Protein backbone atom coordinates (compact mmCIF):
# COMPACT_ATOMS: atom_id res chain seq x y z
CA MET A 1 68.59 56.31 107.99
CA GLY A 2 68.01 59.60 109.77
CA PHE A 3 70.77 59.09 112.31
CA LEU A 4 73.36 58.14 109.69
CA LEU A 5 72.42 61.16 107.58
CA ARG A 6 72.83 63.48 110.56
CA VAL A 7 76.25 62.01 111.35
CA ARG A 8 77.38 62.44 107.75
CA LEU A 9 76.08 66.00 107.57
CA ALA A 10 77.77 66.87 110.86
CA SER A 11 81.04 65.39 109.60
CA PHE A 12 80.72 67.27 106.33
CA PHE A 13 80.09 70.61 108.02
CA ALA A 14 82.90 70.04 110.52
CA GLY A 15 85.27 69.33 107.63
CA ALA A 16 84.03 72.35 105.68
CA ALA A 17 84.51 74.60 108.72
CA THR A 18 88.03 73.26 109.27
CA ALA A 19 88.93 73.74 105.61
CA SER A 20 87.54 77.28 105.67
CA PHE A 21 89.53 78.14 108.77
CA LEU A 22 92.75 76.77 107.28
CA GLY A 23 92.11 78.58 103.99
CA LEU A 24 91.52 81.90 105.71
CA TYR A 25 94.60 81.41 107.85
CA LEU A 26 96.76 80.75 104.78
CA LEU A 27 95.34 83.82 103.04
CA TYR A 28 96.07 85.93 106.12
CA LYS A 29 99.67 84.69 106.28
CA ASP A 30 100.11 85.34 102.55
CA TYR A 31 98.76 88.86 103.01
CA LYS A 32 101.14 89.55 105.89
CA VAL A 33 104.17 88.30 103.93
CA ALA A 34 103.24 90.43 100.91
CA HIS A 35 102.62 93.48 103.10
CA ASP A 36 105.99 93.11 104.84
CA SER A 37 107.77 92.68 101.51
CA ILE A 38 106.20 95.80 100.02
CA SER A 39 106.89 97.72 103.23
CA ARG A 40 110.61 96.81 103.08
CA GLN A 41 110.80 97.85 99.42
CA MET A 42 109.18 101.20 100.17
CA LYS A 43 111.54 101.85 103.10
CA GLY A 44 114.48 101.23 100.77
CA LEU A 45 113.05 103.63 98.20
CA HIS A 46 112.48 106.29 100.87
CA LYS A 47 116.07 105.97 102.10
CA SER A 48 117.36 106.28 98.55
CA LEU A 49 115.17 109.29 97.88
CA ASP A 50 116.19 110.97 101.14
CA GLY A 51 119.85 110.49 100.22
CA ARG A 52 119.30 112.04 96.81
CA ILE A 53 117.43 114.99 98.27
CA SER A 54 120.11 115.70 100.87
CA ALA A 55 122.84 115.46 98.20
CA SER A 56 120.90 117.88 96.00
CA GLU A 57 120.47 120.31 98.90
CA LYS A 58 124.21 120.17 99.64
CA LEU A 59 124.98 120.96 95.99
CA LYS A 60 122.62 123.94 96.11
CA GLU A 61 124.31 125.21 99.28
CA ILE A 62 127.76 124.83 97.72
CA LYS A 63 126.67 126.67 94.55
CA ALA A 64 125.03 129.41 96.60
CA SER A 65 128.15 129.91 98.72
CA ASP A 66 130.37 129.98 95.58
CA THR A 67 128.26 132.70 93.94
CA GLN A 68 128.24 134.82 97.11
CA VAL A 69 132.04 134.80 97.50
């Protein structure tokens, strides 16, 4: 009885360790995909904002040069 119990417990813990490893790996991959997606979205927003700022600065320069002439 003792030997069979030890074999079953060892099998159970080996399975639990494998399942834990796979679960953590899937969570890590999910985290990386979400992080990359958010990073791409933020880069797009920064490009858009930079374009708006440069356009606004050009308009200010044009208005300033028109008032000086």
